[in-house]
PDB file of N, CA and C in Angstrom:
ATOM      1  N   MET A   1     -10.579  13.287  10.372  1.00  0.00           N
ATOM      2  CA  MET A   1     -10.861  13.586   8.988  1.00  0.00           C
ATOM      3  C   MET A   1     -11.165  12.276   8.279  1.00  0.00           C
ATOM      4  N   SER A   2     -12.259  12.187   7.581  1.00  0.00           N
ATOM      5  CA  SER A   2     -12.615  10.960   6.882  1.00  0.00           C
ATOM      6  C   SER A   2     -11.923  10.903   5.532  1.00  0.00           C
ATOM      7  N   ALA A   3     -11.882   9.692   4.963  1.00  0.00           N
ATOM      8  CA  ALA A   3     -11.240   9.519   3.661  1.00  0.00           C
ATOM      9  C   ALA A   3     -12.032  10.207   2.557  1.00  0.00           C
ATOM     10  N   GLN A   4     -13.331  10.473   2.806  1.00  0.00           N
ATOM     11  CA  GLN A   4     -14.167  11.146   1.818  1.00  0.00           C
ATOM     12  C   GLN A   4     -13.827  12.621   1.719  1.00  0.00           C
ATOM     13  N   GLN A   5     -13.248  13.184   2.778  1.00  0.00           N
ATOM     14  CA  GLN A   5     -12.946  14.603   2.796  1.00  0.00           C
ATOM     15  C   GLN A   5     -11.689  14.893   2.003  1.00  0.00           C
ATOM     16  N   ASP A   6     -11.324  16.157   1.973  1.00  0.00           N
ATOM     17  CA  ASP A   6     -10.149  16.611   1.243  1.00  0.00           C
ATOM     18  C   ASP A   6      -8.914  15.830   1.683  1.00  0.00           C
ATOM     19  N   THR A   7      -8.005  15.561   0.747  1.00  0.00           N
ATOM     20  CA  THR A   7      -6.803  14.790   1.066  1.00  0.00           C
ATOM     21  C   THR A   7      -5.657  15.687   1.497  1.00  0.00           C
ATOM     22  N   LYS A   8      -5.965  16.837   2.097  1.00  0.00           N
ATOM     23  CA  LYS A   8      -4.923  17.739   2.574  1.00  0.00           C
ATOM     24  C   LYS A   8      -4.910  17.746   4.093  1.00  0.00           C
ATOM     25  N   SER A   9      -3.726  17.801   4.671  1.00  0.00           N
ATOM     26  CA  SER A   9      -3.582  17.930   6.112  1.00  0.00           C
ATOM     27  C   SER A   9      -3.244  19.375   6.424  1.00  0.00           C
ATOM     28  N   SER A  10      -3.100  19.685   7.703  1.00  0.00           N
ATOM     29  CA  SER A  10      -2.778  21.054   8.098  1.00  0.00           C
ATOM     30  C   SER A  10      -1.369  21.443   7.668  1.00  0.00           C
ATOM     31  N   GLU A  11      -0.488  20.463   7.411  1.00  0.00           N
ATOM     32  CA  GLU A  11       0.887  20.746   7.007  1.00  0.00           C
ATOM     33  C   GLU A  11       1.061  20.758   5.487  1.00  0.00           C
ATOM     34  N   GLY A  12       0.034  20.449   4.741  1.00  0.00           N
ATOM     35  CA  GLY A  12       0.140  20.399   3.283  1.00  0.00           C
ATOM     36  C   GLY A  12      -0.608  19.199   2.760  1.00  0.00           C
ATOM     37  N   GLN A  13      -0.258  18.772   1.573  1.00  0.00           N
ATOM     38  CA  GLN A  13      -0.945  17.652   0.961  1.00  0.00           C
ATOM     39  C   GLN A  13      -0.572  16.338   1.633  1.00  0.00           C
ATOM     40  N   LEU A  14      -1.581  15.500   1.859  1.00  0.00           N
ATOM     41  CA  LEU A  14      -1.345  14.171   2.406  1.00  0.00           C
ATOM     42  C   LEU A  14      -0.801  13.259   1.310  1.00  0.00           C
ATOM     43  N   PHE A  15      -1.436  13.274   0.138  1.00  0.00           N
ATOM     44  CA  PHE A  15      -0.997  12.484  -1.006  1.00  0.00           C
ATOM     45  C   PHE A  15      -0.261  13.398  -1.968  1.00  0.00           C
ATOM     46  N   GLN A  16       1.027  13.162  -2.133  1.00  0.00           N
ATOM     47  CA  GLN A  16       1.855  13.949  -3.043  1.00  0.00           C
ATOM     48  C   GLN A  16       1.872  13.281  -4.417  1.00  0.00           C
ATOM     49  N   ASP A  17       2.094  14.078  -5.470  1.00  0.00           N
ATOM     50  CA  ASP A  17       2.266  13.509  -6.798  1.00  0.00           C
ATOM     51  C   ASP A  17       3.524  12.649  -6.809  1.00  0.00           C
ATOM     52  N   LEU A  18       3.532  11.616  -7.644  1.00  0.00           N
ATOM     53  CA  LEU A  18       4.663  10.706  -7.755  1.00  0.00           C
ATOM     54  C   LEU A  18       5.923  11.490  -8.083  1.00  0.00           C
ATOM     55  N   ASP A  19       6.964  11.322  -7.264  1.00  0.00           N
ATOM     56  CA  ASP A  19       8.180  12.112  -7.398  1.00  0.00           C
ATOM     57  C   ASP A  19       9.365  11.266  -6.940  1.00  0.00           C
ATOM     58  N   ALA A  20      10.446  11.292  -7.695  1.00  0.00           N
ATOM     59  CA  ALA A  20      11.640  10.510  -7.350  1.00  0.00           C
ATOM     60  C   ALA A  20      12.290  10.988  -6.058  1.00  0.00           C
ATOM     61  N   ASP A  21      12.057  12.243  -5.671  1.00  0.00           N
ATOM     62  CA  ASP A  21      12.670  12.800  -4.467  1.00  0.00           C
ATOM     63  C   ASP A  21      11.794  12.660  -3.225  1.00  0.00           C
ATOM     64  N   ALA A  22      10.628  12.041  -3.345  1.00  0.00           N
ATOM     65  CA  ALA A  22       9.726  11.900  -2.204  1.00  0.00           C
ATOM     66  C   ALA A  22      10.365  11.015  -1.137  1.00  0.00           C
ATOM     67  N   THR A  23      10.156  11.371   0.128  1.00  0.00           N
ATOM     68  CA  THR A  23      10.704  10.576   1.226  1.00  0.00           C
ATOM     69  C   THR A  23       9.590   9.790   1.904  1.00  0.00           C
ATOM     70  N   ALA A  24       9.900   8.562   2.264  1.00  0.00           N
ATOM     71  CA  ALA A  24       8.933   7.693   2.915  1.00  0.00           C
ATOM     72  C   ALA A  24       8.938   7.932   4.416  1.00  0.00           C
ATOM     73  N   THR A  25       7.797   7.671   5.039  1.00  0.00           N
ATOM     74  CA  THR A  25       7.678   7.714   6.489  1.00  0.00           C
ATOM     75  C   THR A  25       8.083   6.346   7.023  1.00  0.00           C
ATOM     76  N   GLU A  26       8.951   6.303   8.016  1.00  0.00           N
ATOM     77  CA  GLU A  26       9.398   5.039   8.588  1.00  0.00           C
ATOM     78  C   GLU A  26       8.782   4.851   9.961  1.00  0.00           C
ATOM     79  N   ILE A  27       8.218   3.663  10.184  1.00  0.00           N
ATOM     80  CA  ILE A  27       7.661   3.333  11.496  1.00  0.00           C
ATOM     81  C   ILE A  27       8.157   1.946  11.893  1.00  0.00           C
ATOM     82  N   GLU A  28       8.305   1.748  13.188  1.00  0.00           N
ATOM     83  CA  GLU A  28       8.713   0.452  13.710  1.00  0.00           C
ATOM     84  C   GLU A  28       7.471  -0.415  13.834  1.00  0.00           C
ATOM     85  N   SER A  29       7.553  -1.655  13.361  1.00  0.00           N
ATOM     86  CA  SER A  29       6.417  -2.562  13.454  1.00  0.00           C
ATOM     87  C   SER A  29       6.917  -3.993  13.641  1.00  0.00           C
ATOM     88  N   MET A  30       6.029  -4.863  14.120  1.00  0.00           N
ATOM     89  CA  MET A  30       6.400  -6.229  14.452  1.00  0.00           C
ATOM     90  C   MET A  30       6.506  -7.102  13.204  1.00  0.00           C
ATOM     91  N   CYS A  31       7.524  -7.920  13.153  1.00  0.00           N
ATOM     92  CA  CYS A  31       7.715  -8.874  12.067  1.00  0.00           C
ATOM     93  C   CYS A  31       6.778 -10.061  12.289  1.00  0.00           C
ATOM     94  N   VAL A  32       6.037 -10.449  11.249  1.00  0.00           N
ATOM     95  CA  VAL A  32       5.107 -11.570  11.378  1.00  0.00           C
ATOM     96  C   VAL A  32       5.831 -12.915  11.421  1.00  0.00           C
ATOM     97  N   ARG A  33       7.082 -12.956  10.999  1.00  0.00           N
ATOM     98  CA  ARG A  33       7.832 -14.214  11.004  1.00  0.00           C
ATOM     99  C   ARG A  33       8.499 -14.469  12.353  1.00  0.00           C
ATOM    100  N   CYS A  34       9.263 -13.490  12.867  1.00  0.00           N
ATOM    101  CA  CYS A  34      10.047 -13.735  14.091  1.00  0.00           C
ATOM    102  C   CYS A  34       9.553 -12.946  15.310  1.00  0.00           C
ATOM    103  N   GLN A  35       8.561 -12.096  15.155  1.00  0.00           N
ATOM    104  CA  GLN A  35       7.976 -11.274  16.220  1.00  0.00           C
ATOM    105  C   GLN A  35       8.931 -10.237  16.803  1.00  0.00           C
ATOM    106  N   ASN A  36      10.068  -9.984  16.169  1.00  0.00           N
ATOM    107  CA  ASN A  36      10.932  -8.874  16.561  1.00  0.00           C
ATOM    108  C   ASN A  36      10.488  -7.628  15.804  1.00  0.00           C
ATOM    109  N   ASN A  37      11.073  -6.490  16.157  1.00  0.00           N
ATOM    110  CA  ASN A  37      10.699  -5.252  15.481  1.00  0.00           C
ATOM    111  C   ASN A  37      11.496  -5.055  14.203  1.00  0.00           C
ATOM    112  N   GLY A  38      10.772  -4.636  13.166  1.00  0.00           N
ATOM    113  CA  GLY A  38      11.373  -4.288  11.887  1.00  0.00           C
ATOM    114  C   GLY A  38      10.927  -2.886  11.510  1.00  0.00           C
ATOM    115  N   ILE A  39      11.235  -2.481  10.296  1.00  0.00           N
ATOM    116  CA  ILE A  39      10.898  -1.136   9.834  1.00  0.00           C
ATOM    117  C   ILE A  39       9.922  -1.226   8.665  1.00  0.00           C
ATOM    118  N   THR A  40       8.832  -0.472   8.769  1.00  0.00           N
ATOM    119  CA  THR A  40       7.887  -0.324   7.669  1.00  0.00           C
ATOM    120  C   THR A  40       8.038   1.076   7.110  1.00  0.00           C
ATOM    121  N   ARG A  41       8.199   1.161   5.799  1.00  0.00           N
ATOM    122  CA  ARG A  41       8.278   2.455   5.115  1.00  0.00           C
ATOM    123  C   ARG A  41       6.976   2.666   4.362  1.00  0.00           C
ATOM    124  N   LEU A  42       6.360   3.836   4.556  1.00  0.00           N
ATOM    125  CA  LEU A  42       5.095   4.179   3.914  1.00  0.00           C
ATOM    126  C   LEU A  42       5.277   5.412   3.052  1.00  0.00           C
ATOM    127  N   LEU A  43       4.712   5.366   1.864  1.00  0.00           N
ATOM    128  CA  LEU A  43       4.731   6.522   0.980  1.00  0.00           C
ATOM    129  C   LEU A  43       3.337   6.695   0.411  1.00  0.00           C
ATOM    130  N   LEU A  44       2.702   7.809   0.740  1.00  0.00           N
ATOM    131  CA  LEU A  44       1.386   8.136   0.216  1.00  0.00           C
ATOM    132  C   LEU A  44       1.605   8.956  -1.046  1.00  0.00           C
ATOM    133  N   THR A  45       1.105   8.460  -2.171  1.00  0.00           N
ATOM    134  CA  THR A  45       1.359   9.157  -3.427  1.00  0.00           C
ATOM    135  C   THR A  45       0.164   9.054  -4.363  1.00  0.00           C
ATOM    136  N   ARG A  46       0.170   9.899  -5.355  1.00  0.00           N
ATOM    137  CA  ARG A  46      -0.889   9.917  -6.359  1.00  0.00           C
ATOM    138  C   ARG A  46      -0.243   9.585  -7.703  1.00  0.00           C
ATOM    139  N   ILE A  47      -0.728   8.527  -8.347  1.00  0.00           N
ATOM    140  CA  ILE A  47      -0.208   8.130  -9.649  1.00  0.00           C
ATOM    141  C   ILE A  47      -1.063   8.811 -10.715  1.00  0.00           C
ATOM    142  N   PRO A  48      -0.448   9.590 -11.606  1.00  0.00           N
ATOM    143  CA  PRO A  48      -1.223  10.304 -12.629  1.00  0.00           C
ATOM    144  C   PRO A  48      -2.095   9.356 -13.458  1.00  0.00           C
ATOM    145  N   HIS A  49      -3.324   9.763 -13.702  1.00  0.00           N
ATOM    146  CA  HIS A  49      -4.320   9.017 -14.488  1.00  0.00           C
ATOM    147  C   HIS A  49      -4.713   7.695 -13.832  1.00  0.00           C
ATOM    148  N   PHE A  50      -4.392   7.510 -12.563  1.00  0.00           N
ATOM    149  CA  PHE A  50      -4.782   6.289 -11.865  1.00  0.00           C
ATOM    150  C   PHE A  50      -5.511   6.676 -10.592  1.00  0.00           C
ATOM    151  N   LYS A  51      -4.849   6.736  -9.456  1.00  0.00           N
ATOM    152  CA  LYS A  51      -5.486   7.145  -8.209  1.00  0.00           C
ATOM    153  C   LYS A  51      -4.437   7.299  -7.119  1.00  0.00           C
ATOM    154  N   SER A  52      -4.895   7.609  -5.922  1.00  0.00           N
ATOM    155  CA  SER A  52      -4.008   7.715  -4.764  1.00  0.00           C
ATOM    156  C   SER A  52      -3.713   6.315  -4.241  1.00  0.00           C
ATOM    157  N   VAL A  53      -2.448   6.076  -3.911  1.00  0.00           N
ATOM    158  CA  VAL A  53      -2.045   4.761  -3.419  1.00  0.00           C
ATOM    159  C   VAL A  53      -1.134   4.918  -2.210  1.00  0.00           C
ATOM    160  N   ILE A  54      -1.020   3.848  -1.444  1.00  0.00           N
ATOM    161  CA  ILE A  54      -0.100   3.776  -0.321  1.00  0.00           C
ATOM    162  C   ILE A  54       0.915   2.688  -0.667  1.00  0.00           C
ATOM    163  N   LEU A  55       2.177   3.074  -0.788  1.00  0.00           N
ATOM    164  CA  LEU A  55       3.255   2.122  -1.052  1.00  0.00           C
ATOM    165  C   LEU A  55       3.853   1.724   0.288  1.00  0.00           C
ATOM    166  N   MET A  56       3.917   0.422   0.562  1.00  0.00           N
ATOM    167  CA  MET A  56       4.420  -0.065   1.842  1.00  0.00           C
ATOM    168  C   MET A  56       5.547  -1.064   1.612  1.00  0.00           C
ATOM    169  N   ALA A  57       6.616  -0.925   2.385  1.00  0.00           N
ATOM    170  CA  ALA A  57       7.738  -1.859   2.320  1.00  0.00           C
ATOM    171  C   ALA A  57       8.167  -2.173   3.749  1.00  0.00           C
ATOM    172  N   PHE A  58       8.168  -3.461   4.103  1.00  0.00           N
ATOM    173  CA  PHE A  58       8.592  -3.896   5.434  1.00  0.00           C
ATOM    174  C   PHE A  58       9.872  -4.697   5.293  1.00  0.00           C
ATOM    175  N   GLU A  59      10.796  -4.499   6.236  1.00  0.00           N
ATOM    176  CA  GLU A  59      12.028  -5.291   6.267  1.00  0.00           C
ATOM    177  C   GLU A  59      12.410  -5.558   7.717  1.00  0.00           C
ATOM    178  N   CYS A  60      12.730  -6.825   8.009  1.00  0.00           N
ATOM    179  CA  CYS A  60      13.157  -7.219   9.350  1.00  0.00           C
ATOM    180  C   CYS A  60      14.663  -7.453   9.340  1.00  0.00           C
ATOM    181  N   PRO A  61      15.422  -6.699  10.151  1.00  0.00           N
ATOM    182  CA  PRO A  61      16.874  -6.898  10.190  1.00  0.00           C
ATOM    183  C   PRO A  61      17.275  -8.170  10.948  1.00  0.00           C
ATOM    184  N   HIS A  62      16.335  -8.763  11.694  1.00  0.00           N
ATOM    185  CA  HIS A  62      16.642  -9.945  12.507  1.00  0.00           C
ATOM    186  C   HIS A  62      16.585 -11.245  11.703  1.00  0.00           C
ATOM    187  N   CYS A  63      15.503 -11.429  10.936  1.00  0.00           N
ATOM    188  CA  CYS A  63      15.344 -12.689  10.194  1.00  0.00           C
ATOM    189  C   CYS A  63      15.400 -12.498   8.681  1.00  0.00           C
ATOM    190  N   GLY A  64      15.439 -11.246   8.219  1.00  0.00           N
ATOM    191  CA  GLY A  64      15.538 -10.978   6.790  1.00  0.00           C
ATOM    192  C   GLY A  64      14.218 -10.975   6.046  1.00  0.00           C
ATOM    193  N   PHE A  65      13.098 -11.158   6.752  1.00  0.00           N
ATOM    194  CA  PHE A  65      11.789 -11.160   6.092  1.00  0.00           C
ATOM    195  C   PHE A  65      11.519  -9.803   5.455  1.00  0.00           C
ATOM    196  N   ARG A  66      10.963  -9.836   4.240  1.00  0.00           N
ATOM    197  CA  ARG A  66      10.612  -8.604   3.525  1.00  0.00           C
ATOM    198  C   ARG A  66       9.222  -8.752   2.933  1.00  0.00           C
ATOM    199  N   ASN A  67       8.491  -7.646   2.859  1.00  0.00           N
ATOM    200  CA  ASN A  67       7.167  -7.634   2.251  1.00  0.00           C
ATOM    201  C   ASN A  67       6.942  -6.265   1.622  1.00  0.00           C
ATOM    202  N   ASN A  68       6.432  -6.253   0.398  1.00  0.00           N
ATOM    203  CA  ASN A  68       6.122  -5.011  -0.302  1.00  0.00           C
ATOM    204  C   ASN A  68       4.677  -5.064  -0.766  1.00  0.00           C
ATOM    205  N   GLU A  69       3.949  -3.971  -0.563  1.00  0.00           N
ATOM    206  CA  GLU A  69       2.543  -3.919  -0.951  1.00  0.00           C
ATOM    207  C   GLU A  69       2.200  -2.562  -1.539  1.00  0.00           C
ATOM    208  N   VAL A  70       1.201  -2.568  -2.402  1.00  0.00           N
ATOM    209  CA  VAL A  70       0.603  -1.344  -2.919  1.00  0.00           C
ATOM    210  C   VAL A  70      -0.872  -1.432  -2.568  1.00  0.00           C
ATOM    211  N   ARG A  71      -1.359  -0.459  -1.826  1.00  0.00           N
ATOM    212  CA  ARG A  71      -2.768  -0.448  -1.422  1.00  0.00           C
ATOM    213  C   ARG A  71      -3.431   0.828  -1.886  1.00  0.00           C
ATOM    214  N   SER A  72      -4.720   0.745  -2.056  1.00  0.00           N
ATOM    215  CA  SER A  72      -5.482   1.914  -2.472  1.00  0.00           C
ATOM    216  C   SER A  72      -5.521   2.939  -1.350  1.00  0.00           C
ATOM    217  N   GLY A  73      -5.388   4.187  -1.719  1.00  0.00           N
ATOM    218  CA  GLY A  73      -5.517   5.278  -0.763  1.00  0.00           C
ATOM    219  C   GLY A  73      -6.887   5.923  -0.844  1.00  0.00           C
ATOM    220  N   GLU A  74      -7.764   5.345  -1.653  1.00  0.00           N
ATOM    221  CA  GLU A  74      -9.108   5.878  -1.852  1.00  0.00           C
ATOM    222  C   GLU A  74     -10.034   5.393  -0.734  1.00  0.00           C
ATOM    223  N   ALA A  75     -11.181   6.037  -0.629  1.00  0.00           N
ATOM    224  CA  ALA A  75     -12.186   5.661   0.368  1.00  0.00           C
ATOM    225  C   ALA A  75     -12.770   4.288   0.029  1.00  0.00           C
ATOM    226  N   MET A  76     -13.213   3.565   1.057  1.00  0.00           N
ATOM    227  CA  MET A  76     -13.865   2.276   0.854  1.00  0.00           C
ATOM    228  C   MET A  76     -15.180   2.494   0.119  1.00  0.00           C
ATOM    229  N   GLN A  77     -15.482   1.608  -0.800  1.00  0.00           N
ATOM    230  CA  GLN A  77     -16.731   1.686  -1.548  1.00  0.00           C
ATOM    231  C   GLN A  77     -17.865   1.114  -0.706  1.00  0.00           C
ATOM    232  N   GLU A  78     -19.078   1.598  -0.960  1.00  0.00           N
ATOM    233  CA  GLU A  78     -20.238   1.112  -0.206  1.00  0.00           C
ATOM    234  C   GLU A  78     -20.631  -0.298  -0.628  1.00  0.00           C
ATOM    235  N   THR A  79     -20.358  -0.653  -1.862  1.00  0.00           N
ATOM    236  CA  THR A  79     -20.682  -1.994  -2.336  1.00  0.00           C
ATOM    237  C   THR A  79     -19.401  -2.677  -2.781  1.00  0.00           C
ATOM    238  N   GLY A  80     -19.412  -3.973  -2.791  1.00  0.00           N
ATOM    239  CA  GLY A  80     -18.213  -4.723  -3.147  1.00  0.00           C
ATOM    240  C   GLY A  80     -18.369  -5.492  -4.443  1.00  0.00           C
ATOM    241  N   HIS A  81     -17.324  -6.171  -4.818  1.00  0.00           N
ATOM    242  CA  HIS A  81     -17.299  -7.018  -6.004  1.00  0.00           C
ATOM    243  C   HIS A  81     -16.703  -8.356  -5.610  1.00  0.00           C
ATOM    244  N   ILE A  82     -17.143  -9.384  -6.279  1.00  0.00           N
ATOM    245  CA  ILE A  82     -16.575 -10.707  -6.060  1.00  0.00           C
ATOM    246  C   ILE A  82     -15.745 -11.065  -7.284  1.00  0.00           C
ATOM    247  N   HIS A  83     -14.501 -11.448  -7.046  1.00  0.00           N
ATOM    248  CA  HIS A  83     -13.613 -11.897  -8.111  1.00  0.00           C
ATOM    249  C   HIS A  83     -13.281 -13.353  -7.835  1.00  0.00           C
ATOM    250  N   GLU A  84     -13.494 -14.201  -8.807  1.00  0.00           N
ATOM    251  CA  GLU A  84     -13.178 -15.618  -8.652  1.00  0.00           C
ATOM    252  C   GLU A  84     -11.987 -15.964  -9.528  1.00  0.00           C
ATOM    253  N   LEU A  85     -11.111 -16.803  -8.995  1.00  0.00           N
ATOM    254  CA  LEU A  85      -9.917 -17.224  -9.712  1.00  0.00           C
ATOM    255  C   LEU A  85      -9.794 -18.731  -9.584  1.00  0.00           C
ATOM    256  N   ARG A  86      -9.651 -19.397 -10.699  1.00  0.00           N
ATOM    257  CA  ARG A  86      -9.464 -20.845 -10.675  1.00  0.00           C
ATOM    258  C   ARG A  86      -7.967 -21.128 -10.719  1.00  0.00           C
ATOM    259  N   CYS A  87      -7.476 -21.779  -9.685  1.00  0.00           N
ATOM    260  CA  CYS A  87      -6.054 -22.117  -9.583  1.00  0.00           C
ATOM    261  C   CYS A  87      -5.894 -23.609  -9.806  1.00  0.00           C
ATOM    262  N   THR A  88      -5.137 -23.964 -10.820  1.00  0.00           N
ATOM    263  CA  THR A  88      -4.892 -25.384 -11.088  1.00  0.00           C
ATOM    264  C   THR A  88      -3.470 -25.797 -10.731  1.00  0.00           C
ATOM    265  N   THR A  89      -2.584 -24.806 -10.583  1.00  0.00           N
ATOM    266  CA  THR A  89      -1.211 -25.092 -10.166  1.00  0.00           C
ATOM    267  C   THR A  89      -0.791 -24.075  -9.114  1.00  0.00           C
ATOM    268  N   LYS A  90       0.270 -24.388  -8.395  1.00  0.00           N
ATOM    269  CA  LYS A  90       0.790 -23.468  -7.384  1.00  0.00           C
ATOM    270  C   LYS A  90       1.235 -22.149  -8.024  1.00  0.00           C
ATOM    271  N   ALA A  91       1.739 -22.206  -9.244  1.00  0.00           N
ATOM    272  CA  ALA A  91       2.192 -21.000  -9.953  1.00  0.00           C
ATOM    273  C   ALA A  91       1.037 -20.029 -10.210  1.00  0.00           C
ATOM    274  N   ASP A  92      -0.201 -20.547 -10.275  1.00  0.00           N
ATOM    275  CA  ASP A  92      -1.361 -19.673 -10.484  1.00  0.00           C
ATOM    276  C   ASP A  92      -1.552 -18.686  -9.343  1.00  0.00           C
ATOM    277  N   LEU A  93      -1.022 -19.000  -8.167  1.00  0.00           N
ATOM    278  CA  LEU A  93      -1.164 -18.113  -7.011  1.00  0.00           C
ATOM    279  C   LEU A  93      -0.167 -16.961  -7.050  1.00  0.00           C
ATOM    280  N   ASN A  94       0.827 -17.031  -7.908  1.00  0.00           N
ATOM    281  CA  ASN A  94       1.843 -15.982  -8.021  1.00  0.00           C
ATOM    282  C   ASN A  94       1.384 -14.905  -8.992  1.00  0.00           C
ATOM    283  N   ARG A  95       0.324 -14.216  -8.653  1.00  0.00           N
ATOM    284  CA  ARG A  95      -0.244 -13.186  -9.515  1.00  0.00           C
ATOM    285  C   ARG A  95      -0.454 -11.915  -8.717  1.00  0.00           C
ATOM    286  N   GLN A  96      -0.346 -10.794  -9.408  1.00  0.00           N
ATOM    287  CA  GLN A  96      -0.696  -9.508  -8.818  1.00  0.00           C
ATOM    288  C   GLN A  96      -1.763  -8.883  -9.692  1.00  0.00           C
ATOM    289  N   ILE A  97      -2.718  -8.241  -9.070  1.00  0.00           N
ATOM    290  CA  ILE A  97      -3.825  -7.629  -9.796  1.00  0.00           C
ATOM    291  C   ILE A  97      -3.744  -6.125  -9.628  1.00  0.00           C
ATOM    292  N   VAL A  98      -3.809  -5.409 -10.735  1.00  0.00           N
ATOM    293  CA  VAL A  98      -3.915  -3.953 -10.707  1.00  0.00           C
ATOM    294  C   VAL A  98      -5.286  -3.632 -11.259  1.00  0.00           C
ATOM    295  N   ARG A  99      -6.086  -2.952 -10.476  1.00  0.00           N
ATOM    296  CA  ARG A  99      -7.436  -2.640 -10.937  1.00  0.00           C
ATOM    297  C   ARG A  99      -7.684  -1.151 -10.810  1.00  0.00           C
ATOM    298  N   ASN A 100      -8.592  -0.673 -11.613  1.00  0.00           N
ATOM    299  CA  ASN A 100      -8.954   0.731 -11.618  1.00  0.00           C
ATOM    300  C   ASN A 100     -10.465   0.820 -11.521  1.00  0.00           C
ATOM    301  N   ASN A 101     -10.977   1.901 -11.003  1.00  0.00           N
ATOM    302  CA  ASN A 101     -12.414   2.049 -10.817  1.00  0.00           C
ATOM    303  C   ASN A 101     -13.135   2.508 -12.070  1.00  0.00           C
ATOM    304  N   THR A 102     -12.422   2.714 -13.160  1.00  0.00           N
ATOM    305  CA  THR A 102     -13.079   3.169 -14.390  1.00  0.00           C
ATOM    306  C   THR A 102     -13.295   2.038 -15.355  1.00  0.00           C
TER     307      THR A 102
END
């Protein structure tokens, strides 16, 4: 099933509306710091008036490394955009960008 098609699976909706009771899918994955196995939690959800997103949280019980990401659950666009950022200090790199297609 392509990302352009309906976002429903045979068991129900793939992307659920944002809900406090939603449960994340847990998968074992390799830690980029120590190369041992850690746990990645994935939650596919739809944020009202925004879009479908994938919430990801990784934690390694061996070295304590943690990583949290929010990625788009939408289909890849045919054309891209270039964003330029001028960094004059190390603190300039500590930024998060939230963008919308509208």
